[in-house]
Amino acid sequence: GQLVESGGGLVQPGGSLRLSCEASGFTFSSATMSWYRQAPGKERILVTFITGDGVITNRLDSVEGRFTISRDNYKNTVYLQMTNLKPEDTAVYYCSALRAGNRYWGQGTQVTVSS
C-alpha cells in the first residue's frame, strides 16, 4: 500500500489548511484511516481516525472543534480540515492506514503555523 499526503505549508495563526492523503494498493473503503503528527523533538501522536464506514474518533483534546477528518471512498482519499490553527499545531502530519493487520504510512507533510 501507498499513501501520499499533500496540502501542508506555512499559515498564519488563525488560518486554515486542508490536508489530503491519497491511498493506493489496498482496499481503501474498509481501512481505518488516521492522522498523526510529530512536532520537533517530540514523539509522533495520534490526532484522529475514521473507520471504513465513517465512524470518527478524536484523540487529541487540543484540536477538538478545530480539526475534522473525512474520507471519500470513491477517490481513495482521506482529508484533515484544520481551522483556527495555532503555533502549537506546527508539526509534520502523517497519514496512516490500517487494513487487515497491515499498517501503512505516508511520507508526511509539514505544517508550520507562524506569523
N, C-alpha and C. Protein backbone atom coordinates (compact mmCIF):
# COMPACT_ATOMS: atom_id res chain seq x y z
N GLY A 1 0.82 -1.20 0.00
CA GLY A 1 0.00 0.00 0.00
C GLY A 1 0.85 1.24 0.00
N GLN A 2 0.28 2.30 -0.56
CA GLN A 2 1.00 3.57 -0.64
C GLN A 2 0.06 4.71 -0.24
N LEU A 3 0.62 5.66 0.50
CA LEU A 3 -0.12 6.84 0.92
C LEU A 3 0.68 8.08 0.53
N VAL A 4 0.03 9.04 -0.07
CA VAL A 4 0.70 10.27 -0.48
C VAL A 4 -0.08 11.46 0.08
N GLU A 5 0.58 12.18 1.00
CA GLU A 5 -0.06 13.35 1.60
C GLU A 5 0.26 14.60 0.79
N SER A 6 -0.62 15.57 0.91
CA SER A 6 -0.40 16.88 0.31
C SER A 6 -1.21 17.91 1.09
N GLY A 7 -0.91 19.19 0.82
CA GLY A 7 -1.70 20.25 1.42
C GLY A 7 -1.05 20.99 2.56
N GLY A 8 0.12 20.56 2.99
CA GLY A 8 0.79 21.28 4.06
C GLY A 8 1.36 22.60 3.58
N GLY A 9 1.90 23.36 4.53
CA GLY A 9 2.51 24.63 4.17
C GLY A 9 2.62 25.55 5.36
N LEU A 10 2.90 26.80 5.06
CA LEU A 10 3.03 27.85 6.07
C LEU A 10 1.73 28.63 6.14
N VAL A 11 1.22 28.81 7.33
CA VAL A 11 -0.04 29.54 7.51
C VAL A 11 0.07 30.39 8.77
N GLN A 12 -0.61 31.52 8.77
CA GLN A 12 -0.62 32.39 9.94
C GLN A 12 -1.55 31.85 11.01
N PRO A 13 -1.29 32.18 12.26
CA PRO A 13 -2.22 31.78 13.32
C PRO A 13 -3.65 32.23 12.99
N GLY A 14 -4.58 31.34 13.25
CA GLY A 14 -5.98 31.60 12.92
C GLY A 14 -6.37 31.15 11.52
N GLY A 15 -5.41 30.76 10.73
CA GLY A 15 -5.68 30.33 9.37
C GLY A 15 -6.14 28.89 9.28
N SER A 16 -6.35 28.45 8.04
CA SER A 16 -6.86 27.10 7.79
C SER A 16 -6.02 26.40 6.72
N LEU A 17 -6.02 25.10 6.81
CA LEU A 17 -5.40 24.26 5.79
C LEU A 17 -6.22 22.99 5.68
N ARG A 18 -6.20 22.38 4.50
CA ARG A 18 -6.79 21.06 4.34
C ARG A 18 -5.72 20.11 3.81
N LEU A 19 -5.44 19.10 4.59
CA LEU A 19 -4.51 18.05 4.17
C LEU A 19 -5.27 16.95 3.44
N SER A 20 -4.62 16.38 2.45
CA SER A 20 -5.19 15.25 1.72
C SER A 20 -4.22 14.09 1.76
N CYS A 21 -4.76 12.89 1.69
CA CYS A 21 -3.93 11.69 1.66
C CYS A 21 -4.59 10.71 0.70
N GLU A 22 -3.93 10.48 -0.41
CA GLU A 22 -4.45 9.58 -1.42
C GLU A 22 -3.82 8.21 -1.26
N ALA A 23 -4.66 7.19 -1.25
CA ALA A 23 -4.22 5.82 -1.00
C ALA A 23 -4.28 4.97 -2.25
N SER A 24 -3.41 3.99 -2.29
CA SER A 24 -3.43 3.01 -3.37
C SER A 24 -2.82 1.71 -2.88
N GLY A 25 -3.16 0.62 -3.55
CA GLY A 25 -2.54 -0.67 -3.24
C GLY A 25 -3.23 -1.49 -2.18
N PHE A 26 -4.35 -1.02 -1.68
CA PHE A 26 -5.13 -1.81 -0.72
C PHE A 26 -6.58 -1.36 -0.83
N THR A 27 -7.47 -2.12 -0.17
CA THR A 27 -8.90 -1.81 -0.23
C THR A 27 -9.20 -0.65 0.72
N PHE A 28 -9.21 0.54 0.15
CA PHE A 28 -9.33 1.75 0.96
C PHE A 28 -10.64 1.79 1.74
N SER A 29 -11.73 1.38 1.13
CA SER A 29 -13.04 1.56 1.75
C SER A 29 -13.20 0.82 3.07
N SER A 30 -12.39 -0.20 3.29
CA SER A 30 -12.50 -0.95 4.55
C SER A 30 -11.33 -0.69 5.48
N ALA A 31 -10.51 0.26 5.16
CA ALA A 31 -9.36 0.61 6.00
C ALA A 31 -9.73 1.70 7.00
N THR A 32 -9.18 1.59 8.19
CA THR A 32 -9.26 2.69 9.15
C THR A 32 -8.13 3.65 8.84
N MET A 33 -8.49 4.90 8.63
CA MET A 33 -7.52 5.93 8.25
C MET A 33 -7.28 6.89 9.40
N SER A 34 -6.04 7.22 9.61
CA SER A 34 -5.66 8.05 10.75
C SER A 34 -4.77 9.21 10.31
N TRP A 35 -4.79 10.25 11.11
CA TRP A 35 -3.83 11.33 11.01
C TRP A 35 -3.05 11.39 12.32
N TYR A 36 -1.73 11.40 12.19
CA TYR A 36 -0.81 11.59 13.30
C TYR A 36 -0.05 12.89 13.05
N ARG A 37 0.60 13.37 14.10
CA ARG A 37 1.51 14.48 13.91
C ARG A 37 2.72 14.33 14.82
N GLN A 38 3.81 14.92 14.37
CA GLN A 38 5.05 14.87 15.14
C GLN A 38 5.68 16.26 15.14
N ALA A 39 5.68 16.86 16.31
CA ALA A 39 6.30 18.17 16.47
C ALA A 39 7.80 17.99 16.66
N PRO A 40 8.57 19.04 16.39
CA PRO A 40 10.04 18.95 16.54
C PRO A 40 10.43 18.49 17.94
N GLY A 41 11.24 17.46 18.00
CA GLY A 41 11.74 16.98 19.28
C GLY A 41 10.76 16.18 20.10
N LYS A 42 9.61 15.88 19.52
CA LYS A 42 8.58 15.15 20.27
C LYS A 42 8.20 13.87 19.54
N GLU A 43 7.49 12.99 20.23
CA GLU A 43 7.08 11.74 19.61
C GLU A 43 5.87 11.95 18.72
N ARG A 44 5.67 11.01 17.82
CA ARG A 44 4.51 11.05 16.94
C ARG A 44 3.27 10.68 17.75
N ILE A 45 2.20 11.45 17.59
CA ILE A 45 0.98 11.19 18.35
C ILE A 45 -0.22 11.10 17.41
N LEU A 46 -1.20 10.35 17.84
CA LEU A 46 -2.43 10.18 17.07
C LEU A 46 -3.33 11.39 17.27
N VAL A 47 -3.80 11.94 16.16
CA VAL A 47 -4.70 13.09 16.23
C VAL A 47 -6.16 12.65 16.14
N THR A 48 -6.47 11.86 15.11
CA THR A 48 -7.84 11.46 14.88
C THR A 48 -7.86 10.31 13.89
N PHE A 49 -8.95 9.52 13.89
CA PHE A 49 -9.07 8.47 12.90
C PHE A 49 -10.53 8.26 12.53
N ILE A 50 -10.71 7.61 11.37
CA ILE A 50 -12.04 7.36 10.83
C ILE A 50 -12.07 5.94 10.30
N THR A 51 -13.12 5.20 10.64
CA THR A 51 -13.24 3.83 10.17
C THR A 51 -13.76 3.81 8.73
N GLY A 52 -13.79 2.63 8.16
CA GLY A 52 -14.25 2.50 6.78
C GLY A 52 -15.68 2.94 6.58
N ASP A 53 -16.49 2.76 7.61
CA ASP A 53 -17.90 3.18 7.49
C ASP A 53 -18.16 4.55 8.09
N GLY A 54 -17.07 5.30 8.36
CA GLY A 54 -17.22 6.71 8.69
C GLY A 54 -17.32 7.08 10.16
N VAL A 55 -17.05 6.15 11.05
CA VAL A 55 -17.08 6.48 12.48
C VAL A 55 -15.77 7.19 12.84
N ILE A 56 -15.92 8.35 13.46
CA ILE A 56 -14.77 9.20 13.77
C ILE A 56 -14.45 9.16 15.25
N THR A 57 -13.17 9.06 15.55
CA THR A 57 -12.72 9.17 16.93
C THR A 57 -11.61 10.22 16.97
N ASN A 58 -11.81 11.21 17.81
CA ASN A 58 -10.78 12.24 18.01
C ASN A 58 -9.98 11.90 19.25
N ARG A 59 -8.68 11.94 19.14
CA ARG A 59 -7.83 11.51 20.24
C ARG A 59 -7.01 12.62 20.85
N LEU A 60 -7.12 13.83 20.32
CA LEU A 60 -6.31 14.93 20.80
C LEU A 60 -7.24 16.07 21.21
N ASP A 61 -7.33 16.29 22.51
CA ASP A 61 -8.27 17.30 23.02
C ASP A 61 -7.97 18.69 22.46
N SER A 62 -6.71 18.98 22.24
CA SER A 62 -6.33 20.34 21.85
C SER A 62 -6.80 20.72 20.45
N VAL A 63 -7.23 19.75 19.65
CA VAL A 63 -7.72 20.08 18.31
C VAL A 63 -9.23 19.91 18.19
N GLU A 64 -9.87 19.51 19.29
CA GLU A 64 -11.32 19.32 19.28
C GLU A 64 -12.03 20.60 18.84
N GLY A 65 -12.94 20.46 17.87
CA GLY A 65 -13.67 21.61 17.37
C GLY A 65 -12.92 22.41 16.32
N ARG A 66 -11.67 22.06 16.07
CA ARG A 66 -10.89 22.80 15.07
C ARG A 66 -10.47 21.90 13.89
N PHE A 67 -10.22 20.63 14.16
CA PHE A 67 -9.78 19.69 13.12
C PHE A 67 -10.92 18.71 12.82
N THR A 68 -11.10 18.41 11.56
CA THR A 68 -12.14 17.46 11.16
C THR A 68 -11.58 16.49 10.12
N ILE A 69 -11.71 15.21 10.41
CA ILE A 69 -11.30 14.19 9.46
C ILE A 69 -12.50 13.77 8.62
N SER A 70 -12.24 13.47 7.35
CA SER A 70 -13.29 12.96 6.48
C SER A 70 -12.65 12.07 5.42
N ARG A 71 -13.49 11.34 4.70
CA ARG A 71 -12.96 10.45 3.67
C ARG A 71 -13.89 10.41 2.48
N ASP A 72 -13.30 10.13 1.33
CA ASP A 72 -14.06 9.94 0.10
C ASP A 72 -13.62 8.59 -0.46
N ASN A 73 -14.48 7.58 -0.27
CA ASN A 73 -14.11 6.23 -0.68
C ASN A 73 -14.09 6.05 -2.20
N TYR A 74 -14.68 6.98 -2.92
CA TYR A 74 -14.62 6.92 -4.39
C TYR A 74 -13.27 7.44 -4.90
N LYS A 75 -12.69 8.37 -4.14
CA LYS A 75 -11.40 8.94 -4.53
C LYS A 75 -10.23 8.32 -3.77
N ASN A 76 -10.53 7.34 -2.90
CA ASN A 76 -9.48 6.72 -2.07
C ASN A 76 -8.66 7.77 -1.34
N THR A 77 -9.34 8.73 -0.78
CA THR A 77 -8.66 9.86 -0.17
C THR A 77 -9.26 10.17 1.20
N VAL A 78 -8.39 10.49 2.14
CA VAL A 78 -8.81 10.96 3.45
C VAL A 78 -8.29 12.39 3.61
N TYR A 79 -9.07 13.19 4.32
CA TYR A 79 -8.76 14.61 4.48
C TYR A 79 -8.65 14.97 5.96
N LEU A 80 -7.92 16.03 6.21
CA LEU A 80 -7.91 16.63 7.54
C LEU A 80 -8.09 18.13 7.35
N GLN A 81 -9.28 18.60 7.67
CA GLN A 81 -9.56 20.03 7.61
C GLN A 81 -9.14 20.65 8.93
N MET A 82 -8.27 21.64 8.87
CA MET A 82 -7.75 22.27 10.07
C MET A 82 -8.10 23.75 10.04
N THR A 83 -8.76 24.21 11.07
CA THR A 83 -9.14 25.61 11.17
C THR A 83 -8.59 26.21 12.45
N ASN A 84 -8.60 27.55 12.50
CA ASN A 84 -8.11 28.26 13.68
C ASN A 84 -6.76 27.69 14.16
N LEU A 85 -5.85 27.58 13.22
CA LEU A 85 -4.57 26.97 13.53
C LEU A 85 -3.77 27.82 14.50
N LYS A 86 -3.02 27.12 15.35
CA LYS A 86 -2.21 27.75 16.38
C LYS A 86 -0.74 27.36 16.19
N PRO A 87 0.17 28.16 16.70
CA PRO A 87 1.59 27.81 16.56
C PRO A 87 1.91 26.42 17.09
N GLU A 88 1.21 25.98 18.12
CA GLU A 88 1.48 24.66 18.68
C GLU A 88 0.99 23.52 17.78
N ASP A 89 0.31 23.85 16.71
CA ASP A 89 -0.08 22.83 15.72
C ASP A 89 1.04 22.55 14.73
N THR A 90 2.11 23.32 14.81
CA THR A 90 3.25 23.10 13.92
C THR A 90 3.81 21.71 14.11
N ALA A 91 3.90 20.96 13.02
CA ALA A 91 4.35 19.56 13.08
C ALA A 91 4.41 19.00 11.67
N VAL A 92 5.00 17.83 11.57
CA VAL A 92 4.84 17.03 10.36
C VAL A 92 3.62 16.16 10.58
N TYR A 93 2.70 16.21 9.63
CA TYR A 93 1.47 15.44 9.72
C TYR A 93 1.57 14.21 8.83
N TYR A 94 1.24 13.06 9.42
CA TYR A 94 1.34 11.79 8.72
C TYR A 94 -0.03 11.15 8.59
N CYS A 95 -0.27 10.61 7.44
CA CYS A 95 -1.45 9.80 7.18
C CYS A 95 -1.06 8.34 7.42
N SER A 96 -1.98 7.57 7.97
CA SER A 96 -1.72 6.15 8.20
C SER A 96 -2.98 5.35 7.91
N ALA A 97 -2.78 4.14 7.42
CA ALA A 97 -3.90 3.25 7.14
C ALA A 97 -3.69 1.93 7.86
N LEU A 98 -4.79 1.37 8.37
CA LEU A 98 -4.76 0.05 8.99
C LEU A 98 -5.78 -0.81 8.28
N ARG A 99 -5.30 -1.87 7.66
CA ARG A 99 -6.20 -2.72 6.88
C ARG A 99 -5.69 -4.15 6.99
N ALA A 100 -6.54 -5.05 7.48
CA ALA A 100 -6.23 -6.49 7.59
C ALA A 100 -4.91 -6.73 8.31
N GLY A 101 -4.70 -5.98 9.39
CA GLY A 101 -3.50 -6.16 10.19
C GLY A 101 -2.25 -5.50 9.65
N ASN A 102 -2.36 -4.86 8.51
CA ASN A 102 -1.21 -4.17 7.92
C ASN A 102 -1.36 -2.67 8.12
N ARG A 103 -0.26 -2.04 8.54
CA ARG A 103 -0.27 -0.58 8.70
C ARG A 103 0.63 0.05 7.65
N TYR A 104 0.12 1.09 7.06
CA TYR A 104 0.87 1.84 6.05
C TYR A 104 1.01 3.28 6.50
N TRP A 105 2.13 3.90 6.08
CA TRP A 105 2.40 5.30 6.43
C TRP A 105 2.70 6.12 5.19
N GLY A 106 2.28 7.36 5.23
CA GLY A 106 2.70 8.30 4.21
C GLY A 106 4.04 8.91 4.59
N GLN A 107 4.53 9.77 3.70
CA GLN A 107 5.86 10.37 3.91
C GLN A 107 5.80 11.59 4.82
N GLY A 108 4.60 12.08 5.07
CA GLY A 108 4.44 13.25 5.93
C GLY A 108 4.40 14.54 5.15
N THR A 109 3.68 15.50 5.71
CA THR A 109 3.63 16.85 5.11
C THR A 109 3.79 17.86 6.25
N GLN A 110 4.63 18.85 6.00
CA GLN A 110 4.95 19.84 7.04
C GLN A 110 3.86 20.90 7.13
N VAL A 111 3.42 21.16 8.34
CA VAL A 111 2.51 22.27 8.62
C VAL A 111 3.22 23.21 9.59
N THR A 112 3.37 24.45 9.19
CA THR A 112 4.02 25.44 10.03
C THR A 112 3.06 26.60 10.25
N VAL A 113 2.78 26.88 11.52
CA VAL A 113 1.87 27.97 11.87
C VAL A 113 2.69 29.06 12.53
N SER A 114 2.82 30.17 11.82
CA SER A 114 3.69 31.24 12.30
C SER A 114 3.30 32.55 11.65
N SER A 115 3.48 33.62 12.40
CA SER A 115 3.24 34.94 11.83
C SER A 115 4.54 35.54 11.29
